[in-house]
Amino acid sequence: MASSSASNLRIALPGKNGSENRRSSDGSSVDGSKRGDDKEKKDSDLSESTKTASDGVTTTGKAKLNIVLCGNNPTLKNSVSKMFRGKPSKSQKEMSKVCQKREGTIHGRQISVIELPALTRLSEEEVMRETLQCLSLCDPGVHLFILITSVCPLTNEDKAEMEKVKRIFNSNEHFMVLFTTEIDQSVIDFVSLYGSWHSVVPLKDQRNSEKISDLFDRIESMKTDPYSLQTYIRAPEKRVRQELEEKLTVKDNEIKELQKKIKTVECVKLNLVVCGSNRELKSFILNLILNQSERRSELSSECVRRDVELHGRLISLVELPALFNTQLSEEEVMRQTHRCVSLCHPGVHVFIIIIPDAPISNEDKTEIEEIQRIFSSRINKHIMILIKQNSEHQTEKLNEETQSVIERFGGRHHFIRSKTQVSVLMEKLEQMVEENSGVCFSTETLMMLKFEELKRRIHPLESLFRLQVKHD
């Protein structure tokens, strides 16, 4: 314990009989009615003269600070306590299991320093008792908890102590980490787990007095209210809420990541619809993309979807049955066209129409016109006309009639041969999708077209009805 010599810091408190009680920096009181001039002069080196009110609160203009020192090393905490109070550091090897409160005045500021015992060395009952005692010694509360360590990186014992202190008090804004040795930049991110800021104050640095003064000024300028007993009581509820919020944040991030993956898959996925009246040509293009060697001679009257993965990209391939010159009724044609689009979520990227490299037949021409009639001219930017060439005839020159038809339906076309690599075809289709900015022909688009068509049909009837009503 500190002695009552002239080097001690004293805080004047009014006594009951009009004399003064002098309180030493360790909290003990010594009676005395006079103070010698020489003694005042010596005391002024460490302590400014301080006027007190009847309640003992200092009136120097600097607020009293309550600081709690935490950590695994009791000797280090005691040394920092003495350094804060301007006391000479002496080795202290005893390990206390109770809170130690010491008071002093330095740079004209009254401070209370509480050394919290290492909580990892106490029973749960002792932890509860000492944490409550620590707070009861600080009125109106703790301005700052300081986690002290001299080792970088932290030892497992230091980490365990810091984790326990942090969990019990659960207030990052009231905590800082103080290093008594120099640290490297790598520890900065780690420090943020245990406090809102950190400082380096070597024990034997000649500039410590200035550093400590700056440290106290910073503590005083903090905008947070002192950590009180009420804050401590609410800490478990706050901790549970934070843990729940952290779990919800993790789940929210997982959902966002999953949505991102789904969106990525949808962006990577390519939806193709193969159209045309020639079953052999449709079979050829289907087998090319699906990498199948067998020939399918039957002509399906139902939309069929097949999926395949090519070069890491999922391809959905839908075969649309021939719409013209078939046994399908108008109602069935409507059903099949709607089904072919609905099978392609979120919509069709490319409608592939395949024709032979020959003067376009009336059947092919009528089939293309029927497709445009059903889907409207909005389908044009999604149409790719593939021209199948035989091995003998491999010119890329188009006859006028074929050229005219292609221009009327968007102008996109590509020659394809028996030995055409599927990668070449897919590159052409992906380029087309990119030119369309990934926009596809969706079921919503189709339904809107049907609604507009219905309005066009109803409009003449409405006009006729209004005309009849007017005449009546």
Protein backbone atom coordinates (compact mmCIF):
# COMPACT_ATOMS: atom_id res chain seq x y z
CA MET A 1 0.00 0.00 0.00
CA ALA A 2 1.19 3.52 -0.66
CA SER A 3 2.57 5.52 2.29
CA SER A 4 1.55 9.03 3.42
CA SER A 5 4.85 10.62 2.45
CA ALA A 6 5.11 13.90 0.55
CA SER A 7 5.35 12.07 -2.75
CA ASN A 8 1.82 10.66 -2.32
CA LEU A 9 -1.14 12.19 -4.14
CA ARG A 10 -3.77 13.63 -1.81
CA ILE A 11 -7.33 14.80 -2.28
CA ALA A 12 -8.60 17.28 0.32
CA LEU A 13 -11.95 16.38 1.87
CA PRO A 14 -13.72 18.56 4.50
CA GLY A 15 -13.83 16.97 7.96
CA LYS A 16 -16.69 17.13 10.38
CA ASN A 17 -14.80 19.36 12.84
CA GLY A 18 -13.67 21.82 10.20
CA SER A 19 -10.26 20.22 9.81
CA GLU A 20 -9.25 18.31 6.68
CA ASN A 21 -8.94 14.59 6.09
CA ARG A 22 -6.21 13.71 3.58
CA ARG A 23 -6.89 10.62 1.53
CA SER A 24 -3.85 8.85 0.11
CA SER A 25 -3.85 7.44 -3.34
CA ASP A 26 -4.59 3.93 -2.10
CA GLY A 27 -7.82 5.06 -0.45
CA SER A 28 -6.63 5.21 3.19
CA SER A 29 -7.31 8.37 5.18
CA VAL A 30 -4.91 10.27 7.46
CA ASP A 31 -5.93 13.01 9.90
CA GLY A 32 -4.25 16.40 9.71
CA SER A 33 -5.29 20.02 10.29
CA LYS A 34 -2.31 21.80 8.73
CA ARG A 35 -0.32 21.48 5.58
CA GLY A 36 3.21 22.88 5.51
CA ASP A 37 4.35 25.16 2.71
CA ASP A 38 7.13 22.79 1.76
CA LYS A 39 4.70 19.89 1.64
CA GLU A 40 2.30 21.77 -0.64
CA LYS A 41 5.17 22.60 -2.96
CA LYS A 42 6.18 18.97 -3.24
CA ASP A 43 2.61 17.81 -3.75
CA SER A 44 2.08 20.33 -6.53
CA ASP A 45 4.55 18.45 -8.73
CA LEU A 46 2.06 15.59 -9.04
CA SER A 47 -1.23 17.16 -7.94
CA GLU A 48 -2.84 20.50 -8.62
CA SER A 49 -4.49 22.15 -5.61
CA THR A 50 -8.13 21.14 -5.68
CA LYS A 51 -11.13 22.88 -4.15
CA THR A 52 -13.92 20.57 -3.01
CA ALA A 53 -17.59 21.02 -2.35
CA SER A 54 -19.35 19.53 0.65
CA ASP A 55 -19.92 16.24 -1.20
CA GLY A 56 -16.25 15.76 -2.03
CA VAL A 57 -16.56 16.28 -5.81
CA THR A 58 -13.63 18.10 -7.35
CA THR A 59 -14.18 21.47 -8.98
CA THR A 60 -11.10 21.80 -11.17
CA GLY A 61 -13.17 21.62 -14.38
CA LYS A 62 -11.87 18.15 -15.23
CA ALA A 63 -14.34 15.34 -14.66
CA LYS A 64 -13.50 12.52 -12.33
CA LEU A 65 -12.82 9.29 -14.19
CA ASN A 66 -13.64 5.76 -13.09
CA ILE A 67 -11.40 3.25 -14.85
CA VAL A 68 -11.44 -0.53 -14.50
CA LEU A 69 -8.29 -2.43 -15.42
CA CYS A 70 -8.85 -5.94 -16.76
CA GLY A 71 -6.50 -8.66 -17.85
CA ASN A 72 -4.81 -11.90 -17.00
CA ASN A 73 -1.63 -10.41 -15.45
CA PRO A 74 -2.14 -8.88 -11.92
CA THR A 75 1.38 -7.42 -11.78
CA LEU A 76 0.82 -5.61 -15.08
CA LYS A 77 -2.53 -4.22 -13.90
CA ASN A 78 -0.94 -2.92 -10.70
CA SER A 79 1.90 -1.28 -12.65
CA VAL A 80 -0.54 0.47 -14.98
CA SER A 81 -2.64 1.56 -12.00
CA LYS A 82 0.41 3.21 -10.43
CA MET A 83 1.41 4.74 -13.74
CA PHE A 84 -2.08 6.26 -14.13
CA ARG A 85 -1.89 7.71 -10.61
CA GLY A 86 1.67 8.98 -10.99
CA LYS A 87 3.06 6.55 -8.44
CA PRO A 88 6.47 4.86 -8.65
CA SER A 89 6.18 1.30 -9.87
CA LYS A 90 7.23 -1.42 -7.44
CA SER A 91 7.03 -5.13 -8.03
CA GLN A 92 3.91 -6.75 -6.58
CA LYS A 93 3.69 -10.50 -6.87
CA GLU A 94 0.60 -11.25 -4.79
CA MET A 95 -2.48 -12.26 -6.78
CA SER A 96 -5.71 -10.85 -5.41
CA LYS A 97 -9.10 -12.44 -5.99
CA VAL A 98 -11.01 -9.29 -5.08
CA CYS A 99 -11.37 -5.86 -6.66
CA GLN A 100 -8.75 -3.33 -5.63
CA LYS A 101 -9.76 0.33 -5.71
CA ARG A 102 -7.14 3.06 -5.64
CA GLU A 103 -7.63 6.78 -6.06
CA GLY A 104 -5.35 9.60 -7.01
CA THR A 105 -5.07 12.94 -8.73
CA ILE A 106 -2.88 13.49 -11.74
CA HIS A 107 -2.74 16.47 -14.09
CA GLY A 108 -5.46 18.10 -12.00
CA ARG A 109 -7.84 15.20 -12.54
CA GLN A 110 -9.24 12.91 -9.90
CA ILE A 111 -9.29 9.27 -10.92
CA SER A 112 -10.47 6.02 -9.42
CA VAL A 113 -8.69 2.93 -10.67
CA ILE A 114 -10.21 -0.47 -9.97
CA GLU A 115 -8.11 -3.56 -10.61
CA LEU A 116 -10.52 -6.35 -11.58
CA PRO A 117 -9.14 -9.81 -10.71
CA ALA A 118 -8.64 -12.31 -13.53
CA LEU A 119 -12.13 -13.72 -13.99
CA THR A 120 -10.95 -16.96 -15.60
CA ARG A 121 -9.37 -17.88 -12.25
CA LEU A 122 -12.57 -17.38 -10.26
CA SER A 123 -15.62 -19.52 -9.69
CA GLU A 124 -18.91 -18.39 -11.23
CA GLU A 125 -20.09 -17.18 -7.81
CA GLU A 126 -16.89 -15.19 -7.33
CA VAL A 127 -17.17 -13.75 -10.85
CA MET A 128 -20.69 -12.49 -10.11
CA ARG A 129 -19.63 -11.02 -6.78
CA GLU A 130 -16.54 -9.23 -8.10
CA THR A 131 -18.18 -7.80 -11.21
CA LEU A 132 -20.98 -6.35 -9.08
CA GLN A 133 -18.45 -5.05 -6.55
CA CYS A 134 -16.45 -3.45 -9.36
CA LEU A 135 -19.51 -1.50 -10.51
CA SER A 136 -20.59 -0.55 -6.98
CA LEU A 137 -17.18 1.08 -6.46
CA CYS A 138 -17.74 3.36 -9.46
CA ASP A 139 -20.27 6.17 -9.13
CA PRO A 140 -22.05 6.98 -11.45
CA GLY A 141 -20.47 4.17 -13.45
CA VAL A 142 -17.36 2.97 -15.28
CA HIS A 143 -16.10 5.40 -17.89
CA LEU A 144 -13.79 2.86 -19.48
CA PHE A 145 -12.74 -0.76 -19.10
CA ILE A 146 -9.11 -1.17 -20.17
CA LEU A 147 -7.90 -4.60 -21.25
CA ILE A 148 -4.16 -4.71 -20.57
CA THR A 149 -1.58 -6.96 -22.22
CA SER A 150 2.13 -6.80 -22.85
CA VAL A 151 2.29 -9.61 -25.37
CA CYS A 152 1.61 -9.46 -29.10
CA PRO A 153 0.19 -11.71 -30.40
CA LEU A 154 -2.00 -12.47 -27.40
CA THR A 155 -1.53 -15.65 -25.43
CA ASN A 156 -4.37 -18.13 -25.05
CA GLU A 157 -4.74 -17.02 -21.41
CA ASP A 158 -5.07 -13.38 -22.48
CA LYS A 159 -7.63 -14.28 -25.13
CA ALA A 160 -9.67 -16.37 -22.69
CA GLU A 161 -9.71 -13.54 -20.14
CA MET A 162 -10.68 -10.95 -22.74
CA GLU A 163 -13.44 -13.17 -24.08
CA LYS A 164 -14.90 -13.69 -20.60
CA VAL A 165 -14.77 -9.99 -19.69
CA LYS A 166 -16.30 -9.05 -23.04
CA ARG A 167 -19.10 -11.60 -22.67
CA ILE A 168 -20.02 -10.53 -19.15
CA PHE A 169 -20.07 -6.76 -19.67
CA ASN A 170 -21.00 -6.88 -23.39
CA SER A 171 -20.25 -3.28 -24.37
CA ASN A 172 -17.59 -2.74 -27.01
CA GLU A 173 -17.93 1.04 -26.79
CA HIS A 174 -16.83 1.05 -23.13
CA PHE A 175 -13.72 -1.03 -23.80
CA MET A 176 -10.24 -0.36 -25.13
CA VAL A 177 -7.07 -2.43 -25.33
CA LEU A 178 -3.84 -1.06 -23.85
CA PHE A 179 -0.52 -2.54 -24.91
CA THR A 180 2.55 -1.95 -22.74
CA THR A 181 4.88 -2.95 -25.60
CA GLU A 182 5.03 -1.92 -29.25
CA ILE A 183 2.73 -3.80 -31.62
CA ASP A 184 2.71 -4.46 -35.35
CA GLN A 185 -0.04 -3.58 -37.80
CA SER A 186 -1.32 -7.15 -38.02
CA VAL A 187 -2.87 -6.96 -34.55
CA ILE A 188 -5.08 -3.95 -35.30
CA ASP A 189 -7.98 -5.92 -36.82
CA PHE A 190 -7.79 -8.41 -33.98
CA VAL A 191 -7.97 -5.63 -31.37
CA SER A 192 -11.32 -4.45 -32.75
CA LEU A 193 -12.90 -7.64 -31.38
CA TYR A 194 -12.21 -6.54 -27.82
CA GLY A 195 -12.60 -2.78 -27.84
CA SER A 196 -13.53 0.29 -29.82
CA TRP A 197 -9.91 1.52 -29.87
CA HIS A 198 -6.42 0.77 -28.60
CA SER A 199 -3.35 2.56 -27.32
CA VAL A 200 0.32 1.76 -26.73
CA VAL A 201 1.81 3.07 -23.46
CA PRO A 202 5.14 1.44 -22.57
CA LEU A 203 5.62 1.35 -18.78
CA LYS A 204 9.06 3.00 -18.75
CA ASP A 205 8.58 5.50 -21.57
CA GLN A 206 9.60 9.04 -20.57
CA ARG A 207 6.66 10.41 -22.55
CA ASN A 208 4.09 8.46 -20.55
CA SER A 209 2.86 11.50 -18.61
CA GLU A 210 1.82 13.22 -21.84
CA LYS A 211 0.33 10.01 -23.26
CA ILE A 212 -1.69 9.38 -20.12
CA SER A 213 -3.00 12.95 -20.12
CA ASP A 214 -4.10 12.54 -23.75
CA LEU A 215 -5.66 9.20 -22.88
CA PHE A 216 -7.71 10.70 -20.05
CA ASP A 217 -8.81 13.61 -22.24
CA ARG A 218 -10.00 11.15 -24.85
CA ILE A 219 -11.93 9.16 -22.25
CA GLU A 220 -13.60 12.35 -21.02
CA SER A 221 -14.55 13.32 -24.58
CA MET A 222 -16.30 9.99 -25.19
CA LYS A 223 -19.98 10.51 -26.00
CA THR A 224 -21.14 7.36 -24.21
CA ASP A 225 -22.74 7.35 -20.76
CA PRO A 226 -20.80 5.59 -18.00
CA TYR A 227 -21.31 1.84 -17.71
CA SER A 228 -23.65 1.54 -14.74
CA LEU A 229 -25.24 -1.25 -12.73
CA GLN A 230 -28.38 -0.87 -14.87
CA THR A 231 -26.26 -1.36 -18.00
CA TYR A 232 -24.81 -4.51 -16.43
CA ILE A 233 -28.28 -5.90 -15.63
CA ARG A 234 -29.37 -5.33 -19.24
CA ALA A 235 -26.17 -6.89 -20.66
CA PRO A 236 -27.49 -10.52 -20.88
CA GLU A 237 -30.60 -9.39 -22.75
CA LYS A 238 -28.46 -7.26 -25.06
CA ARG A 239 -26.10 -10.18 -25.65
CA VAL A 240 -28.96 -12.55 -26.53
CA ARG A 241 -30.40 -9.95 -28.92
CA GLN A 242 -27.00 -9.43 -30.58
CA GLU A 243 -26.44 -13.17 -30.95
CA LEU A 244 -29.90 -13.53 -32.49
CA GLU A 245 -29.23 -10.62 -34.85
CA GLU A 246 -25.90 -12.19 -35.83
CA LYS A 247 -27.61 -15.51 -36.57
CA LEU A 248 -30.30 -13.73 -38.59
CA THR A 249 -27.59 -11.84 -40.49
CA VAL A 250 -25.82 -15.12 -41.28
CA LYS A 251 -29.10 -16.66 -42.49
CA ASP A 252 -29.90 -13.54 -44.49
CA ASN A 253 -26.48 -13.69 -46.15
CA GLU A 254 -26.98 -17.39 -46.89
CA ILE A 255 -30.35 -16.61 -48.52
CA LYS A 256 -28.82 -13.78 -50.55
CA GLU A 257 -25.97 -16.06 -51.64
CA LEU A 258 -28.47 -18.75 -52.66
CA GLN A 259 -30.55 -16.20 -54.56
CA LYS A 260 -27.38 -14.99 -56.25
CA LYS A 261 -26.53 -18.55 -57.29
CA ILE A 262 -30.06 -19.11 -58.59
CA LYS A 263 -29.86 -15.87 -60.54
CA THR A 264 -26.46 -16.88 -61.90
CA VAL A 265 -27.85 -20.24 -63.01
CA GLU A 266 -30.77 -18.48 -64.67
CA CYS A 267 -28.37 -16.12 -66.42
CA VAL A 268 -26.18 -19.01 -67.56
CA LYS A 269 -29.16 -21.11 -68.64
CA LEU A 270 -30.10 -20.81 -72.31
CA ASN A 271 -33.69 -21.59 -73.37
CA LEU A 272 -34.16 -22.59 -77.01
CA VAL A 273 -37.31 -23.49 -78.93
CA VAL A 274 -36.87 -25.43 -82.19
CA CYS A 275 -39.59 -24.64 -84.75
CA GLY A 276 -40.34 -25.61 -88.32
CA SER A 277 -42.42 -27.92 -90.48
CA ASN A 278 -39.60 -30.25 -91.59
CA ARG A 279 -39.29 -33.08 -89.08
CA GLU A 280 -35.93 -34.31 -90.41
CA LEU A 281 -34.32 -30.88 -90.10
CA LYS A 282 -35.69 -30.40 -86.57
CA SER A 283 -34.41 -33.86 -85.65
CA PHE A 284 -30.98 -32.93 -87.04
CA ILE A 285 -30.65 -29.76 -84.95
CA LEU A 286 -31.97 -31.48 -81.82
CA ASN A 287 -29.46 -34.30 -82.18
CA LEU A 288 -26.64 -31.84 -82.85
CA ILE A 289 -27.26 -29.83 -79.69
CA LEU A 290 -28.14 -32.84 -77.53
CA ASN A 291 -25.14 -34.72 -78.89
CA GLN A 292 -27.28 -37.68 -79.89
CA SER A 293 -26.63 -39.97 -82.84
CA GLU A 294 -30.02 -41.67 -83.08
CA ARG A 295 -32.61 -40.36 -85.51
CA ARG A 296 -36.13 -39.62 -84.37
CA SER A 297 -38.51 -40.07 -87.29
CA GLU A 298 -41.80 -39.48 -85.46
CA LEU A 299 -43.32 -36.03 -85.54
CA SER A 300 -44.50 -35.12 -82.05
CA SER A 301 -47.75 -33.24 -81.55
CA GLU A 302 -46.75 -32.23 -77.99
CA CYS A 303 -44.11 -29.80 -76.77
CA VAL A 304 -41.18 -31.74 -75.37
CA ARG A 305 -38.33 -30.27 -73.32
CA ARG A 306 -34.86 -31.76 -73.03
CA ASP A 307 -31.99 -30.42 -70.89
CA VAL A 308 -28.29 -30.74 -71.54
CA GLU A 309 -25.15 -29.10 -70.24
CA LEU A 310 -22.70 -27.73 -72.80
CA HIS A 311 -19.38 -26.15 -71.78
CA GLY A 312 -20.68 -25.43 -68.27
CA ARG A 313 -23.93 -23.90 -69.54
CA LEU A 314 -27.34 -25.47 -69.04
CA ILE A 315 -29.38 -25.69 -72.23
CA SER A 316 -33.14 -26.24 -72.21
CA LEU A 317 -34.31 -27.36 -75.61
CA VAL A 318 -38.04 -27.37 -76.43
CA GLU A 319 -39.45 -28.85 -79.63
CA LEU A 320 -42.53 -27.02 -80.90
CA PRO A 321 -44.72 -29.16 -83.16
CA ALA A 322 -45.57 -27.88 -86.64
CA LEU A 323 -48.41 -25.38 -86.38
CA PHE A 324 -49.60 -25.23 -90.00
CA ASN A 325 -51.07 -27.97 -92.17
CA THR A 326 -51.46 -30.37 -89.23
CA GLN A 327 -54.29 -32.08 -87.42
CA LEU A 328 -54.06 -29.54 -84.55
CA SER A 329 -57.09 -27.37 -83.89
CA GLU A 330 -56.75 -23.62 -83.29
CA GLU A 331 -57.33 -24.21 -79.60
CA GLU A 332 -54.62 -26.90 -79.51
CA VAL A 333 -52.20 -24.62 -81.37
CA MET A 334 -52.76 -21.92 -78.73
CA ARG A 335 -52.24 -24.46 -75.96
CA GLN A 336 -49.00 -25.76 -77.44
CA THR A 337 -47.54 -22.30 -78.07
CA HIS A 338 -48.30 -21.27 -74.49
CA ARG A 339 -46.84 -24.53 -73.19
CA CYS A 340 -43.62 -24.15 -75.17
CA VAL A 341 -42.97 -20.72 -73.58
CA SER A 342 -43.99 -21.80 -70.05
CA LEU A 343 -41.51 -24.72 -70.24
CA CYS A 344 -38.74 -22.14 -70.60
CA HIS A 345 -38.37 -20.24 -67.33
CA PRO A 346 -37.99 -17.25 -67.27
CA GLY A 347 -38.65 -17.22 -71.04
CA VAL A 348 -37.41 -18.16 -74.50
CA HIS A 349 -34.05 -16.69 -75.51
CA VAL A 350 -34.03 -17.95 -79.08
CA PHE A 351 -36.65 -19.43 -81.42
CA ILE A 352 -34.70 -21.58 -83.89
CA ILE A 353 -36.37 -22.01 -87.28
CA ILE A 354 -34.54 -24.43 -89.56
CA ILE A 355 -35.06 -24.53 -93.33
CA PRO A 356 -33.19 -26.29 -96.18
CA ASP A 357 -30.70 -24.50 -98.41
CA ALA A 358 -33.04 -24.34 -101.36
CA PRO A 359 -35.74 -22.05 -102.64
CA ILE A 360 -38.00 -21.72 -99.63
CA SER A 361 -41.11 -23.85 -99.93
CA ASN A 362 -44.64 -22.59 -99.40
CA GLU A 363 -44.90 -24.94 -96.45
CA ASP A 364 -41.83 -23.47 -94.74
CA LYS A 365 -42.88 -19.93 -95.58
CA THR A 366 -46.41 -20.46 -94.24
CA GLU A 367 -45.07 -22.11 -91.07
CA ILE A 368 -42.85 -19.09 -90.34
CA GLU A 369 -45.73 -16.70 -90.96
CA GLU A 370 -47.95 -18.74 -88.65
CA ILE A 371 -45.32 -18.53 -85.90
CA GLN A 372 -45.14 -14.76 -86.33
CA ARG A 373 -48.93 -14.46 -86.35
CA ILE A 374 -49.22 -16.29 -83.04
CA PHE A 375 -46.29 -14.67 -81.28
CA SER A 376 -46.55 -11.29 -83.10
CA SER A 377 -43.70 -9.30 -84.57
CA ARG A 378 -42.18 -9.05 -81.08
CA ILE A 379 -40.75 -12.48 -81.69
CA ASN A 380 -38.56 -11.20 -84.54
CA LYS A 381 -35.64 -10.18 -82.35
CA HIS A 382 -35.63 -13.69 -80.84
CA ILE A 383 -35.67 -15.58 -84.18
CA MET A 384 -32.59 -17.30 -85.58
CA ILE A 385 -33.11 -18.96 -88.98
CA LEU A 386 -30.74 -21.86 -89.56
CA ILE A 387 -30.14 -22.90 -93.17
CA LYS A 388 -29.16 -26.55 -93.49
CA GLN A 389 -26.69 -27.16 -96.33
CA ASN A 390 -25.76 -30.51 -97.82
CA SER A 391 -22.13 -31.49 -98.45
CA GLU A 392 -22.32 -30.78 -102.20
CA HIS A 393 -23.71 -27.28 -101.95
CA GLN A 394 -21.85 -25.06 -99.47
CA THR A 395 -22.24 -21.52 -100.72
CA GLU A 396 -23.45 -18.83 -98.33
CA LYS A 397 -25.28 -16.94 -101.04
CA LEU A 398 -29.05 -16.73 -100.52
CA ASN A 399 -31.69 -16.63 -103.21
CA GLU A 400 -33.85 -13.52 -103.28
CA GLU A 401 -36.99 -15.12 -101.88
CA THR A 402 -35.18 -16.70 -98.91
CA GLN A 403 -33.34 -13.44 -98.30
CA SER A 404 -36.65 -11.56 -98.29
CA VAL A 405 -38.22 -13.94 -95.77
CA ILE A 406 -35.19 -13.75 -93.47
CA GLU A 407 -35.23 -9.94 -93.53
CA ARG A 408 -38.94 -9.89 -92.63
CA PHE A 409 -38.26 -12.02 -89.56
CA GLY A 410 -35.34 -10.17 -88.00
CA GLY A 411 -32.55 -10.81 -90.45
CA ARG A 412 -30.56 -13.25 -88.30
CA HIS A 413 -29.49 -16.44 -90.02
CA HIS A 414 -26.69 -18.96 -89.94
CA PHE A 415 -25.57 -21.73 -92.31
CA ILE A 416 -25.24 -25.14 -90.74
CA ARG A 417 -23.75 -28.33 -92.17
CA SER A 418 -23.50 -31.97 -91.22
CA LYS A 419 -20.03 -31.48 -89.72
CA THR A 420 -20.79 -28.20 -87.98
CA GLN A 421 -19.41 -28.08 -84.46
CA VAL A 422 -22.07 -27.41 -81.83
CA SER A 423 -19.71 -24.91 -80.16
CA VAL A 424 -19.83 -22.74 -83.29
CA LEU A 425 -23.63 -22.77 -83.26
CA MET A 426 -23.79 -22.01 -79.52
CA GLU A 427 -21.40 -19.09 -79.95
CA LYS A 428 -23.73 -17.65 -82.58
CA LEU A 429 -26.78 -18.10 -80.34
CA GLU A 430 -25.03 -16.60 -77.29
CA GLN A 431 -24.01 -13.60 -79.37
CA MET A 432 -27.66 -13.11 -80.29
CA VAL A 433 -28.74 -13.31 -76.64
CA GLU A 434 -26.07 -10.77 -75.72
CA GLU A 435 -27.33 -8.40 -78.43
CA ASN A 436 -30.78 -8.67 -76.84
CA SER A 437 -29.24 -7.84 -73.40
CA GLY A 438 -30.47 -11.20 -72.10
CA VAL A 439 -34.12 -10.23 -72.56
CA CYS A 440 -36.31 -13.24 -73.29
CA PHE A 441 -39.81 -13.87 -74.65
CA SER A 442 -41.78 -14.78 -71.50
CA THR A 443 -45.26 -16.10 -70.75
CA GLU A 444 -46.13 -12.60 -69.49
CA THR A 445 -45.25 -11.21 -72.91
CA LEU A 446 -47.41 -13.86 -74.60
CA MET A 447 -50.38 -13.23 -72.31
CA MET A 448 -50.12 -9.49 -72.90
CA LEU A 449 -50.20 -10.11 -76.66
CA LYS A 450 -53.30 -12.27 -76.30
CA PHE A 451 -54.97 -9.58 -74.22
CA GLU A 452 -54.16 -6.91 -76.82
CA GLU A 453 -55.55 -9.19 -79.56
CA LEU A 454 -58.72 -9.71 -77.57
CA LYS A 455 -59.13 -5.95 -77.18
CA ARG A 456 -58.73 -5.51 -80.95
CA ARG A 457 -61.48 -8.08 -81.55
CA ILE A 458 -63.80 -6.51 -79.00
CA HIS A 459 -63.32 -2.94 -80.19
CA PRO A 460 -65.40 -3.28 -83.43
CA LEU A 461 -68.19 -4.93 -81.45
CA GLU A 462 -68.13 -2.08 -78.93
CA SER A 463 -68.31 0.46 -81.74
CA LEU A 464 -71.24 -1.38 -83.32
CA PHE A 465 -73.06 -1.61 -79.99
CA ARG A 466 -72.60 2.12 -79.32
CA LEU A 467 -73.85 2.93 -82.81
CA GLN A 468 -77.01 0.85 -82.28
CA VAL A 469 -77.64 2.45 -78.90
CA LYS A 470 -77.28 5.90 -80.49
CA HIS A 471 -79.84 5.08 -83.19
CA ASP A 472 -82.27 3.65 -80.66
